[in-house]
Amino acid sequence: MVQVTSAIALPKEDTEYEVVVRIGEKEIKTGKPAVKKHRYNRFNFRTVAPGSKESTTESMNLITFKAPYIDIADMGCVFIYLRGKSLLGSDKDICYYRMDTT
Protein backbone atom coordinates (compact mmCIF):
# COMPACT_ATOMS: atom_id res chain seq x y z
CA MET A 1 0.00 0.00 0.00
CA VAL A 2 1.17 3.52 -0.79
CA GLN A 3 -0.35 6.52 0.97
CA VAL A 4 0.59 10.15 0.33
CA THR A 5 -1.26 12.85 2.20
CA SER A 6 0.78 16.00 1.63
CA ALA A 7 4.00 17.67 0.53
CA ILE A 8 5.26 20.64 2.55
CA ALA A 9 8.04 23.26 2.26
CA LEU A 10 7.95 23.03 -1.53
CA PRO A 11 10.36 25.00 -3.76
CA LYS A 12 7.79 27.37 -5.33
CA GLU A 13 4.55 28.88 -4.06
CA ASP A 14 1.19 27.99 -5.61
CA THR A 15 2.70 25.31 -7.87
CA GLU A 16 1.39 21.80 -8.50
CA TYR A 17 3.78 18.97 -7.75
CA GLU A 18 3.45 15.20 -7.91
CA VAL A 19 4.89 12.55 -5.59
CA VAL A 20 6.16 9.38 -7.25
CA VAL A 21 7.01 6.14 -5.42
CA ARG A 22 9.27 3.83 -7.42
CA ILE A 23 9.73 0.16 -6.56
CA GLY A 24 11.98 -1.54 -9.09
CA GLU A 25 10.52 -0.65 -12.50
CA LYS A 26 7.04 0.20 -11.11
CA GLU A 27 6.11 3.88 -10.62
CA ILE A 28 3.12 4.86 -8.52
CA LYS A 29 2.11 8.50 -9.13
CA THR A 30 -0.19 10.67 -7.03
CA GLY A 31 -1.27 12.82 -9.95
CA LYS A 32 -2.39 16.41 -9.39
CA PRO A 33 -2.86 17.56 -5.80
CA ALA A 34 -6.34 18.07 -4.38
CA VAL A 35 -5.21 21.40 -2.88
CA LYS A 36 -2.25 23.68 -3.59
CA LYS A 37 -1.58 26.67 -1.36
CA HIS A 38 1.58 28.63 -0.79
CA ARG A 39 4.32 25.97 -0.46
CA TYR A 40 1.96 23.08 0.31
CA ASN A 41 0.20 20.38 -1.76
CA ARG A 42 -2.41 18.00 -0.34
CA PHE A 43 -2.96 14.70 -2.17
CA ASN A 44 -5.21 12.32 -0.20
CA PHE A 45 -3.74 9.51 -2.33
CA ARG A 46 -3.84 5.86 -1.29
CA THR A 47 -3.51 2.55 -3.10
CA VAL A 48 -5.06 -0.74 -2.08
CA ALA A 49 -4.73 -4.32 -3.29
CA PRO A 50 -7.52 -5.71 -5.49
CA GLY A 51 -9.97 -7.86 -3.56
CA SER A 52 -9.44 -6.11 -0.21
CA LYS A 53 -12.36 -4.62 1.74
CA GLU A 54 -11.11 -1.12 0.95
CA SER A 55 -11.06 -1.74 -2.83
CA THR A 56 -14.80 -1.05 -3.00
CA THR A 57 -14.27 2.62 -2.16
CA GLU A 58 -14.24 4.72 -5.35
CA SER A 59 -11.59 7.15 -4.09
CA MET A 60 -9.03 4.36 -3.66
CA ASN A 61 -6.57 3.47 -6.44
CA LEU A 62 -6.33 -0.24 -7.16
CA ILE A 63 -2.82 -1.50 -7.82
CA THR A 64 -1.34 -4.84 -8.74
CA PHE A 65 2.40 -5.19 -8.38
CA LYS A 66 4.15 -8.27 -9.74
CA ALA A 67 7.90 -8.51 -9.43
CA PRO A 68 10.57 -11.20 -9.54
CA TYR A 69 11.69 -10.56 -5.95
CA ILE A 70 11.87 -13.48 -3.53
CA ASP A 71 11.17 -11.33 -0.47
CA ILE A 72 11.14 -7.67 0.56
CA ALA A 73 14.88 -7.66 1.32
CA ASP A 74 15.58 -8.74 -2.27
CA MET A 75 14.02 -5.49 -3.60
CA GLY A 76 16.92 -3.37 -2.39
CA CYS A 77 15.59 0.19 -2.33
CA VAL A 78 12.39 2.19 -2.73
CA PHE A 79 12.67 5.69 -4.16
CA ILE A 80 10.31 8.61 -3.46
CA TYR A 81 10.50 11.51 -5.92
CA LEU A 82 9.09 15.03 -5.87
CA ARG A 83 8.22 15.79 -9.48
CA GLY A 84 7.30 19.08 -11.08
CA LYS A 85 7.05 20.54 -14.56
CA SER A 86 10.05 22.02 -16.35
CA LEU A 87 9.82 25.28 -18.31
CA LEU A 88 9.16 23.25 -21.45
CA GLY A 89 6.30 21.37 -19.80
CA SER A 90 7.96 17.98 -19.37
CA ASP A 91 8.20 16.16 -16.03
CA LYS A 92 11.26 16.99 -13.94
CA ASP A 93 12.42 15.20 -10.78
CA ILE A 94 13.27 17.90 -8.22
CA CYS A 95 14.51 15.74 -5.35
CA TYR A 96 14.32 12.19 -4.09
CA TYR A 97 14.61 10.01 -1.01
CA ARG A 98 16.18 6.55 -1.19
CA MET A 99 14.96 4.05 1.40
CA ASP A 100 16.38 0.57 2.03
CA THR A 101 13.82 -2.20 2.38
CA THR A 102 15.86 -4.11 4.94
PDB file of N, CA and C in Angstrom:
ATOM      1  N   MET A   1       0.839  -1.177   0.000  1.00  0.00           N
ATOM      2  CA  MET A   1       0.000   0.000   0.000  1.00  0.00           C
ATOM      3  C   MET A   1       0.883   1.239   0.000  1.00  0.00           C
ATOM      4  N   VAL A   2       0.492   2.218  -0.750  1.00  0.00           N
ATOM      5  CA  VAL A   2       1.167   3.515  -0.788  1.00  0.00           C
ATOM      6  C   VAL A   2       0.150   4.564  -0.382  1.00  0.00           C
ATOM      7  N   GLN A   3       0.524   5.431   0.548  1.00  0.00           N
ATOM      8  CA  GLN A   3      -0.353   6.515   0.970  1.00  0.00           C
ATOM      9  C   GLN A   3       0.449   7.810   1.021  1.00  0.00           C
ATOM     10  N   VAL A   4      -0.035   8.823   0.335  1.00  0.00           N
ATOM     11  CA  VAL A   4       0.593  10.145   0.326  1.00  0.00           C
ATOM     12  C   VAL A   4      -0.476  11.154   0.694  1.00  0.00           C
ATOM     13  N   THR A   5      -0.266  11.874   1.779  1.00  0.00           N
ATOM     14  CA  THR A   5      -1.261  12.855   2.202  1.00  0.00           C
ATOM     15  C   THR A   5      -0.877  14.278   1.827  1.00  0.00           C
ATOM     16  N   SER A   6       0.407  14.628   1.940  1.00  0.00           N
ATOM     17  CA  SER A   6       0.779  16.004   1.634  1.00  0.00           C
ATOM     18  C   SER A   6       2.261  16.142   1.345  1.00  0.00           C
ATOM     19  N   ALA A   7       2.612  17.265   0.744  1.00  0.00           N
ATOM     20  CA  ALA A   7       4.003  17.665   0.529  1.00  0.00           C
ATOM     21  C   ALA A   7       4.120  19.086   1.062  1.00  0.00           C
ATOM     22  N   ILE A   8       5.110  19.334   1.917  1.00  0.00           N
ATOM     23  CA  ILE A   8       5.259  20.645   2.550  1.00  0.00           C
ATOM     24  C   ILE A   8       6.635  21.230   2.261  1.00  0.00           C
ATOM     25  N   ALA A   9       6.786  22.525   2.483  1.00  0.00           N
ATOM     26  CA  ALA A   9       8.043  23.256   2.260  1.00  0.00           C
ATOM     27  C   ALA A   9       8.525  23.057   0.821  1.00  0.00           C
ATOM     28  N   LEU A  10       7.634  23.226  -0.124  1.00  0.00           N
ATOM     29  CA  LEU A  10       7.947  23.028  -1.533  1.00  0.00           C
ATOM     30  C   LEU A  10       8.760  24.187  -2.101  1.00  0.00           C
ATOM     31  N   PRO A  11       9.479  23.964  -3.203  1.00  0.00           N
ATOM     32  CA  PRO A  11      10.364  24.999  -3.756  1.00  0.00           C
ATOM     33  C   PRO A  11       9.668  26.288  -4.203  1.00  0.00           C
ATOM     34  N   LYS A  12       8.479  26.176  -4.809  1.00  0.00           N
ATOM     35  CA  LYS A  12       7.791  27.367  -5.332  1.00  0.00           C
ATOM     36  C   LYS A  12       6.382  27.452  -4.762  1.00  0.00           C
ATOM     37  N   GLU A  13       5.909  28.666  -4.569  1.00  0.00           N
ATOM     38  CA  GLU A  13       4.553  28.875  -4.059  1.00  0.00           C
ATOM     39  C   GLU A  13       3.516  28.651  -5.160  1.00  0.00           C
ATOM     40  N   ASP A  14       2.340  28.172  -4.738  1.00  0.00           N
ATOM     41  CA  ASP A  14       1.188  27.985  -5.615  1.00  0.00           C
ATOM     42  C   ASP A  14       1.527  27.214  -6.893  1.00  0.00           C
ATOM     43  N   THR A  15       2.298  26.154  -6.742  1.00  0.00           N
ATOM     44  CA  THR A  15       2.703  25.313  -7.867  1.00  0.00           C
ATOM     45  C   THR A  15       2.275  23.879  -7.597  1.00  0.00           C
ATOM     46  N   GLU A  16       1.786  23.204  -8.639  1.00  0.00           N
ATOM     47  CA  GLU A  16       1.389  21.805  -8.496  1.00  0.00           C
ATOM     48  C   GLU A  16       2.604  20.902  -8.646  1.00  0.00           C
ATOM     49  N   TYR A  17       2.738  19.978  -7.709  1.00  0.00           N
ATOM     50  CA  TYR A  17       3.782  18.969  -7.753  1.00  0.00           C
ATOM     51  C   TYR A  17       3.124  17.601  -7.711  1.00  0.00           C
ATOM     52  N   GLU A  18       3.924  16.579  -7.948  1.00  0.00           N
ATOM     53  CA  GLU A  18       3.453  15.203  -7.909  1.00  0.00           C
ATOM     54  C   GLU A  18       4.467  14.395  -7.104  1.00  0.00           C
ATOM     55  N   VAL A  19       3.996  13.451  -6.314  1.00  0.00           N
ATOM     56  CA  VAL A  19       4.886  12.550  -5.585  1.00  0.00           C
ATOM     57  C   VAL A  19       4.846  11.207  -6.311  1.00  0.00           C
ATOM     58  N   VAL A  20       6.035  10.647  -6.536  1.00  0.00           N
ATOM     59  CA  VAL A  20       6.159   9.378  -7.250  1.00  0.00           C
ATOM     60  C   VAL A  20       6.913   8.400  -6.363  1.00  0.00           C
ATOM     61  N   VAL A  21       6.343   7.219  -6.162  1.00  0.00           N
ATOM     62  CA  VAL A  21       7.010   6.143  -5.417  1.00  0.00           C
ATOM     63  C   VAL A  21       7.439   5.113  -6.449  1.00  0.00           C
ATOM     64  N   ARG A  22       8.727   4.786  -6.436  1.00  0.00           N
ATOM     65  CA  ARG A  22       9.266   3.833  -7.422  1.00  0.00           C
ATOM     66  C   ARG A  22       9.817   2.606  -6.712  1.00  0.00           C
ATOM     67  N   ILE A  23       9.278   1.448  -7.083  1.00  0.00           N
ATOM     68  CA  ILE A  23       9.731   0.160  -6.561  1.00  0.00           C
ATOM     69  C   ILE A  23      10.178  -0.647  -7.768  1.00  0.00           C
ATOM     70  N   GLY A  24      11.464  -0.866  -7.910  1.00  0.00           N
ATOM     71  CA  GLY A  24      11.984  -1.537  -9.093  1.00  0.00           C
ATOM     72  C   GLY A  24      11.632  -0.734 -10.331  1.00  0.00           C
ATOM     73  N   GLU A  25      10.936  -1.332 -11.262  1.00  0.00           N
ATOM     74  CA  GLU A  25      10.518  -0.652 -12.497  1.00  0.00           C
ATOM     75  C   GLU A  25       9.118  -0.061 -12.402  1.00  0.00           C
ATOM     76  N   LYS A  26       8.431  -0.254 -11.283  1.00  0.00           N
ATOM     77  CA  LYS A  26       7.045   0.200 -11.115  1.00  0.00           C
ATOM     78  C   LYS A  26       7.010   1.592 -10.501  1.00  0.00           C
ATOM     79  N   GLU A  27       6.316   2.523 -11.151  1.00  0.00           N
ATOM     80  CA  GLU A  27       6.115   3.876 -10.619  1.00  0.00           C
ATOM     81  C   GLU A  27       4.665   4.046 -10.216  1.00  0.00           C
ATOM     82  N   ILE A  28       4.458   4.562  -9.018  1.00  0.00           N
ATOM     83  CA  ILE A  28       3.121   4.861  -8.524  1.00  0.00           C
ATOM     84  C   ILE A  28       3.056   6.377  -8.350  1.00  0.00           C
ATOM     85  N   LYS A  29       2.180   7.037  -9.109  1.00  0.00           N
ATOM     86  CA  LYS A  29       2.106   8.498  -9.130  1.00  0.00           C
ATOM     87  C   LYS A  29       0.839   8.992  -8.444  1.00  0.00           C
ATOM     88  N   THR A  30       0.970  10.087  -7.695  1.00  0.00           N
ATOM     89  CA  THR A  30      -0.191  10.665  -7.025  1.00  0.00           C
ATOM     90  C   THR A  30      -1.073  11.447  -7.981  1.00  0.00           C
ATOM     91  N   GLY A  31      -0.518  11.947  -9.057  1.00  0.00           N
ATOM     92  CA  GLY A  31      -1.268  12.822  -9.952  1.00  0.00           C
ATOM     93  C   GLY A  31      -1.337  14.225  -9.368  1.00  0.00           C
ATOM     94  N   LYS A  32      -2.262  15.033  -9.866  1.00  0.00           N
ATOM     95  CA  LYS A  32      -2.393  16.412  -9.390  1.00  0.00           C
ATOM     96  C   LYS A  32      -2.865  16.449  -7.946  1.00  0.00           C
ATOM     97  N   PRO A  33      -2.406  17.448  -7.192  1.00  0.00           N
ATOM     98  CA  PRO A  33      -2.856  17.564  -5.801  1.00  0.00           C
ATOM     99  C   PRO A  33      -4.310  18.021  -5.713  1.00  0.00           C
ATOM    100  N   ALA A  34      -4.969  17.626  -4.631  1.00  0.00           N
ATOM    101  CA  ALA A  34      -6.344  18.066  -4.380  1.00  0.00           C
ATOM    102  C   ALA A  34      -6.358  19.546  -4.016  1.00  0.00           C
ATOM    103  N   VAL A  35      -5.321  20.000  -3.303  1.00  0.00           N
ATOM    104  CA  VAL A  35      -5.209  21.397  -2.878  1.00  0.00           C
ATOM    105  C   VAL A  35      -3.767  21.848  -3.050  1.00  0.00           C
ATOM    106  N   LYS A  36      -3.587  23.066  -3.553  1.00  0.00           N
ATOM    107  CA  LYS A  36      -2.252  23.677  -3.593  1.00  0.00           C
ATOM    108  C   LYS A  36      -2.370  25.078  -3.026  1.00  0.00           C
ATOM    109  N   LYS A  37      -1.597  25.350  -1.994  1.00  0.00           N
ATOM    110  CA  LYS A  37      -1.584  26.674  -1.364  1.00  0.00           C
ATOM    111  C   LYS A  37      -0.170  26.972  -0.920  1.00  0.00           C
ATOM    112  N   HIS A  38       0.257  28.170  -1.200  1.00  0.00           N
ATOM    113  CA  HIS A  38       1.582  28.631  -0.790  1.00  0.00           C
ATOM    114  C   HIS A  38       2.626  27.577  -1.158  1.00  0.00           C
ATOM    115  N   ARG A  39       3.298  27.000  -0.195  1.00  0.00           N
ATOM    116  CA  ARG A  39       4.316  25.969  -0.461  1.00  0.00           C
ATOM    117  C   ARG A  39       3.842  24.607   0.052  1.00  0.00           C
ATOM    118  N   TYR A  40       2.588  24.290  -0.215  1.00  0.00           N
ATOM    119  CA  TYR A  40       1.958  23.076   0.315  1.00  0.00           C
ATOM    120  C   TYR A  40       1.068  22.452  -0.750  1.00  0.00           C
ATOM    121  N   ASN A  41       1.129  21.141  -0.909  1.00  0.00           N
ATOM    122  CA  ASN A  41       0.203  20.381  -1.756  1.00  0.00           C
ATOM    123  C   ASN A  41      -0.411  19.266  -0.915  1.00  0.00           C
ATOM    124  N   ARG A  42      -1.739  19.104  -1.013  1.00  0.00           N
ATOM    125  CA  ARG A  42      -2.412  17.997  -0.340  1.00  0.00           C
ATOM    126  C   ARG A  42      -2.889  17.015  -1.402  1.00  0.00           C
ATOM    127  N   PHE A  43      -2.640  15.717  -1.168  1.00  0.00           N
ATOM    128  CA  PHE A  43      -2.957  14.705  -2.172  1.00  0.00           C
ATOM    129  C   PHE A  43      -4.116  13.791  -1.813  1.00  0.00           C
ATOM    130  N   ASN A  44      -4.184  13.300  -0.581  1.00  0.00           N
ATOM    131  CA  ASN A  44      -5.210  12.319  -0.203  1.00  0.00           C
ATOM    132  C   ASN A  44      -5.147  11.103  -1.130  1.00  0.00           C
ATOM    133  N   PHE A  45      -3.957  10.614  -1.401  1.00  0.00           N
ATOM    134  CA  PHE A  45      -3.743   9.505  -2.328  1.00  0.00           C
ATOM    135  C   PHE A  45      -3.430   8.230  -1.561  1.00  0.00           C
ATOM    136  N   ARG A  46      -4.085   7.136  -1.947  1.00  0.00           N
ATOM    137  CA  ARG A  46      -3.838   5.860  -1.290  1.00  0.00           C
ATOM    138  C   ARG A  46      -4.133   4.725  -2.264  1.00  0.00           C
ATOM    139  N   THR A  47      -3.269   3.733  -2.281  1.00  0.00           N
ATOM    140  CA  THR A  47      -3.508   2.550  -3.105  1.00  0.00           C
ATOM    141  C   THR A  47      -3.939   1.396  -2.217  1.00  0.00           C
ATOM    142  N   VAL A  48      -4.660   0.471  -2.785  1.00  0.00           N
ATOM    143  CA  VAL A  48      -5.056  -0.745  -2.075  1.00  0.00           C
ATOM    144  C   VAL A  48      -4.920  -1.920  -3.028  1.00  0.00           C
ATOM    145  N   ALA A  49      -4.823  -3.098  -2.475  1.00  0.00           N
ATOM    146  CA  ALA A  49      -4.730  -4.319  -3.286  1.00  0.00           C
ATOM    147  C   ALA A  49      -6.114  -4.723  -3.774  1.00  0.00           C
ATOM    148  N   PRO A  50      -6.218  -5.229  -5.001  1.00  0.00           N
ATOM    149  CA  PRO A  50      -7.516  -5.711  -5.491  1.00  0.00           C
ATOM    150  C   PRO A  50      -8.047  -6.826  -4.597  1.00  0.00           C
ATOM    151  N   GLY A  51      -9.351  -6.826  -4.365  1.00  0.00           N
ATOM    152  CA  GLY A  51      -9.973  -7.861  -3.556  1.00  0.00           C
ATOM    153  C   GLY A  51     -10.045  -7.541  -2.074  1.00  0.00           C
ATOM    154  N   SER A  52      -9.371  -6.466  -1.626  1.00  0.00           N
ATOM    155  CA  SER A  52      -9.436  -6.114  -0.208  1.00  0.00           C
ATOM    156  C   SER A  52     -10.752  -5.405   0.081  1.00  0.00           C
ATOM    157  N   LYS A  53     -11.113  -5.301   1.354  1.00  0.00           N
ATOM    158  CA  LYS A  53     -12.356  -4.621   1.745  1.00  0.00           C
ATOM    159  C   LYS A  53     -12.359  -3.177   1.270  1.00  0.00           C
ATOM    160  N   GLU A  54     -11.195  -2.537   1.319  1.00  0.00           N
ATOM    161  CA  GLU A  54     -11.112  -1.117   0.951  1.00  0.00           C
ATOM    162  C   GLU A  54     -11.237  -0.888  -0.546  1.00  0.00           C
ATOM    163  N   SER A  55     -11.053  -1.929  -1.371  1.00  0.00           N
ATOM    164  CA  SER A  55     -11.056  -1.741  -2.825  1.00  0.00           C
ATOM    165  C   SER A  55     -12.433  -1.377  -3.369  1.00  0.00           C
ATOM    166  N   THR A  56     -13.464  -1.427  -2.547  1.00  0.00           N
ATOM    167  CA  THR A  56     -14.802  -1.049  -2.998  1.00  0.00           C
ATOM    168  C   THR A  56     -15.020   0.455  -2.943  1.00  0.00           C
ATOM    169  N   THR A  57     -14.145   1.178  -2.248  1.00  0.00           N
ATOM    170  CA  THR A  57     -14.269   2.625  -2.165  1.00  0.00           C
ATOM    171  C   THR A  57     -13.780   3.253  -3.461  1.00  0.00           C
ATOM    172  N   GLU A  58     -14.582   4.123  -4.062  1.00  0.00           N
ATOM    173  CA  GLU A  58     -14.239   4.724  -5.352  1.00  0.00           C
ATOM    174  C   GLU A  58     -12.998   5.595  -5.300  1.00  0.00           C
ATOM    175  N   SER A  59     -12.715   6.224  -4.163  1.00  0.00           N
ATOM    176  CA  SER A  59     -11.590   7.149  -4.085  1.00  0.00           C
ATOM    177  C   SER A  59     -10.243   6.430  -3.979  1.00  0.00           C
ATOM    178  N   MET A  60     -10.266   5.123  -3.779  1.00  0.00           N
ATOM    179  CA  MET A  60      -9.028   4.356  -3.664  1.00  0.00           C
ATOM    180  C   MET A  60      -8.510   3.996  -5.053  1.00  0.00           C
ATOM    181  N   ASN A  61      -7.204   3.861  -5.186  1.00  0.00           N
ATOM    182  CA  ASN A  61      -6.571   3.471  -6.438  1.00  0.00           C
ATOM    183  C   ASN A  61      -6.126   2.022  -6.338  1.00  0.00           C
ATOM    184  N   LEU A  62      -6.709   1.165  -7.171  1.00  0.00           N
ATOM    185  CA  LEU A  62      -6.330  -0.245  -7.160  1.00  0.00           C
ATOM    186  C   LEU A  62      -4.971  -0.410  -7.818  1.00  0.00           C
ATOM    187  N   ILE A  63      -4.140  -1.271  -7.257  1.00  0.00           N
ATOM    188  CA  ILE A  63      -2.821  -1.500  -7.820  1.00  0.00           C
ATOM    189  C   ILE A  63      -2.458  -2.975  -7.699  1.00  0.00           C
ATOM    190  N   THR A  64      -1.890  -3.494  -8.752  1.00  0.00           N
ATOM    191  CA  THR A  64      -1.339  -4.841  -8.739  1.00  0.00           C
ATOM    192  C   THR A  64       0.139  -4.711  -9.048  1.00  0.00           C
ATOM    193  N   PHE A  65       0.957  -5.295  -8.209  1.00  0.00           N
ATOM    194  CA  PHE A  65       2.400  -5.192  -8.376  1.00  0.00           C
ATOM    195  C   PHE A  65       2.987  -6.594  -8.423  1.00  0.00           C
ATOM    196  N   LYS A  66       3.501  -6.967  -9.579  1.00  0.00           N
ATOM    197  CA  LYS A  66       4.148  -8.265  -9.740  1.00  0.00           C
ATOM    198  C   LYS A  66       5.618  -8.014 -10.010  1.00  0.00           C
ATOM    199  N   ALA A  67       6.469  -8.708  -9.276  1.00  0.00           N
ATOM    200  CA  ALA A  67       7.903  -8.515  -9.433  1.00  0.00           C
ATOM    201  C   ALA A  67       8.629  -9.829  -9.177  1.00  0.00           C
ATOM    202  N   PRO A  68       9.833  -9.945  -9.684  1.00  0.00           N
ATOM    203  CA  PRO A  68      10.574 -11.197  -9.536  1.00  0.00           C
ATOM    204  C   PRO A  68      11.297 -11.357  -8.198  1.00  0.00           C
ATOM    205  N   TYR A  69      10.980 -10.523  -7.215  1.00  0.00           N
ATOM    206  CA  TYR A  69      11.690 -10.562  -5.945  1.00  0.00           C
ATOM    207  C   TYR A  69      11.228 -11.741  -5.089  1.00  0.00           C
ATOM    208  N   ILE A  70      12.175 -12.347  -4.403  1.00  0.00           N
ATOM    209  CA  ILE A  70      11.870 -13.482  -3.527  1.00  0.00           C
ATOM    210  C   ILE A  70      11.202 -12.992  -2.244  1.00  0.00           C
ATOM    211  N   ASP A  71      11.752 -11.940  -1.669  1.00  0.00           N
ATOM    212  CA  ASP A  71      11.169 -11.334  -0.475  1.00  0.00           C
ATOM    213  C   ASP A  71      11.466  -9.838  -0.483  1.00  0.00           C
ATOM    214  N   ILE A  72      11.000  -9.130   0.524  1.00  0.00           N
ATOM    215  CA  ILE A  72      11.136  -7.671   0.557  1.00  0.00           C
ATOM    216  C   ILE A  72      12.600  -7.223   0.613  1.00  0.00           C
ATOM    217  N   ALA A  73      13.463  -8.004   1.245  1.00  0.00           N
ATOM    218  CA  ALA A  73      14.882  -7.658   1.323  1.00  0.00           C
ATOM    219  C   ALA A  73      15.556  -7.744  -0.040  1.00  0.00           C
ATOM    220  N   ASP A  74      15.020  -8.563  -0.930  1.00  0.00           N
ATOM    221  CA  ASP A  74      15.577  -8.739  -2.270  1.00  0.00           C
ATOM    222  C   ASP A  74      15.338  -7.510  -3.157  1.00  0.00           C
ATOM    223  N   MET A  75      14.348  -6.675  -2.796  1.00  0.00           N
ATOM    224  CA  MET A  75      14.017  -5.489  -3.600  1.00  0.00           C
ATOM    225  C   MET A  75      15.120  -4.444  -3.565  1.00  0.00           C
ATOM    226  N   GLY A  76      15.852  -4.355  -2.485  1.00  0.00           N
ATOM    227  CA  GLY A  76      16.925  -3.368  -2.387  1.00  0.00           C
ATOM    228  C   GLY A  76      16.437  -2.042  -1.856  1.00  0.00           C
ATOM    229  N   CYS A  77      15.975  -1.159  -2.743  1.00  0.00           N
ATOM    230  CA  CYS A  77      15.588   0.194  -2.334  1.00  0.00           C
ATOM    231  C   CYS A  77      14.248   0.602  -2.932  1.00  0.00           C
ATOM    232  N   VAL A  78      13.595   1.511  -2.241  1.00  0.00           N
ATOM    233  CA  VAL A  78      12.394   2.185  -2.728  1.00  0.00           C
ATOM    234  C   VAL A  78      12.752   3.656  -2.837  1.00  0.00           C
ATOM    235  N   PHE A  79      12.388   4.280  -3.946  1.00  0.00           N
ATOM    236  CA  PHE A  79      12.675   5.695  -4.157  1.00  0.00           C
ATOM    237  C   PHE A  79      11.379   6.497  -4.110  1.00  0.00           C
ATOM    238  N   ILE A  80      11.431   7.676  -3.497  1.00  0.00           N
ATOM    239  CA  ILE A  80      10.306   8.606  -3.463  1.00  0.00           C
ATOM    240  C   ILE A  80      10.785   9.905  -4.102  1.00  0.00           C
ATOM    241  N   TYR A  81      10.110  10.322  -5.169  1.00  0.00           N
ATOM    242  CA  TYR A  81      10.503  11.511  -5.920  1.00  0.00           C
ATOM    243  C   TYR A  81       9.474  12.619  -5.753  1.00  0.00           C
ATOM    244  N   LEU A  82       9.954  13.851  -5.727  1.00  0.00           N
ATOM    245  CA  LEU A  82       9.086  15.025  -5.871  1.00  0.00           C
ATOM    246  C   LEU A  82       9.260  15.463  -7.308  1.00  0.00           C
ATOM    247  N   ARG A  83       8.158  15.494  -8.053  1.00  0.00           N
ATOM    248  CA  ARG A  83       8.225  15.786  -9.478  1.00  0.00           C
ATOM    249  C   ARG A  83       7.413  17.024  -9.792  1.00  0.00           C
ATOM    250  N   GLY A  84       7.973  17.869 -10.627  1.00  0.00           N
ATOM    251  CA  GLY A  84       7.296  19.079 -11.080  1.00  0.00           C
ATOM    252  C   GLY A  84       7.412  19.187 -12.584  1.00  0.00           C
ATOM    253  N   LYS A  85       6.976  20.298 -13.119  1.00  0.00           N
ATOM    254  CA  LYS A  85       7.055  20.537 -14.557  1.00  0.00           C
ATOM    255  C   LYS A  85       8.230  21.459 -14.852  1.00  0.00           C
ATOM    256  N   SER A  86       8.958  21.150 -15.923  1.00  0.00           N
ATOM    257  CA  SER A  86      10.049  22.020 -16.350  1.00  0.00           C
ATOM    258  C   SER A  86       9.463  23.194 -17.136  1.00  0.00           C
ATOM    259  N   LEU A  87      10.293  24.118 -17.536  1.00  0.00           N
ATOM    260  CA  LEU A  87       9.823  25.278 -18.308  1.00  0.00           C
ATOM    261  C   LEU A  87       9.231  24.859 -19.649  1.00  0.00           C
ATOM    262  N   LEU A  88       9.682  23.729 -20.172  1.00  0.00           N
ATOM    263  CA  LEU A  88       9.163  23.251 -21.455  1.00  0.00           C
ATOM    264  C   LEU A  88       7.925  22.372 -21.295  1.00  0.00           C
ATOM    265  N   GLY A  89       7.515  22.127 -20.043  1.00  0.00           N
ATOM    266  CA  GLY A  89       6.297  21.367 -19.796  1.00  0.00           C
ATOM    267  C   GLY A  89       6.499  19.888 -19.543  1.00  0.00           C
ATOM    268  N   SER A  90       7.724  19.407 -19.641  1.00  0.00           N
ATOM    269  CA  SER A  90       7.962  17.984 -19.370  1.00  0.00           C
ATOM    270  C   SER A  90       8.148  17.757 -17.869  1.00  0.00           C
ATOM    271  N   ASP A  91       8.014  16.498 -17.444  1.00  0.00           N
ATOM    272  CA  ASP A  91       8.198  16.163 -16.030  1.00  0.00           C
ATOM    273  C   ASP A  91       9.662  16.282 -15.641  1.00  0.00           C
ATOM    274  N   LYS A  92       9.899  16.801 -14.430  1.00  0.00           N
ATOM    275  CA  LYS A  92      11.264  16.987 -13.940  1.00  0.00           C
ATOM    276  C   LYS A  92      11.318  16.554 -12.484  1.00  0.00           C
ATOM    277  N   ASP A  93      12.221  15.609 -12.171  1.00  0.00           N
ATOM    278  CA  ASP A  93      12.422  15.199 -10.782  1.00  0.00           C
ATOM    279  C   ASP A  93      13.211  16.282 -10.065  1.00  0.00           C
ATOM    280  N   ILE A  94      12.654  16.794  -8.967  1.00  0.00           N
ATOM    281  CA  ILE A  94      13.271  17.896  -8.221  1.00  0.00           C
ATOM    282  C   ILE A  94      14.185  17.358  -7.133  1.00  0.00           C
ATOM    283  N   CYS A  95      13.704  16.371  -6.399  1.00  0.00           N
ATOM    284  CA  CYS A  95      14.513  15.743  -5.351  1.00  0.00           C
ATOM    285  C   CYS A  95      13.981  14.341  -5.101  1.00  0.00           C
ATOM    286  N   TYR A  96      14.753  13.544  -4.380  1.00  0.00           N
ATOM    287  CA  TYR A  96      14.316  12.190  -4.092  1.00  0.00           C
ATOM    288  C   TYR A  96      14.804  11.736  -2.734  1.00  0.00           C
ATOM    289  N   TYR A  97      14.195  10.667  -2.256  1.00  0.00           N
ATOM    290  CA  TYR A  97      14.613  10.008  -1.015  1.00  0.00           C
ATOM    291  C   TYR A  97      14.772   8.525  -1.327  1.00  0.00           C
ATOM    292  N   ARG A  98      15.914   7.966  -0.957  1.00  0.00           N
ATOM    293  CA  ARG A  98      16.185   6.550  -1.188  1.00  0.00           C
ATOM    294  C   ARG A  98      16.054   5.817   0.149  1.00  0.00           C
ATOM    295  N   MET A  99      15.241   4.768   0.163  1.00  0.00           N
ATOM    296  CA  MET A  99      14.956   4.052   1.401  1.00  0.00           C
ATOM    297  C   MET A  99      15.270   2.563   1.193  1.00  0.00           C
ATOM    298  N   ASP A 100      16.104   1.995   2.077  1.00  0.00           N
ATOM    299  CA  ASP A 100      16.385   0.569   2.031  1.00  0.00           C
ATOM    300  C   ASP A 100      15.177  -0.209   2.533  1.00  0.00           C
ATOM    301  N   THR A 101      14.942  -1.375   1.952  1.00  0.00           N
ATOM    302  CA  THR A 101      13.816  -2.198   2.377  1.00  0.00           C
ATOM    303  C   THR A 101      14.181  -3.159   3.502  1.00  0.00           C
ATOM    304  N   THR A 102      15.437  -3.192   3.857  1.00  0.00           N
ATOM    305  CA  THR A 102      15.860  -4.112   4.937  1.00  0.00           C
ATOM    306  C   THR A 102      15.867  -3.432   6.274  1.00  0.00           C
TER     307      THR A 102
END
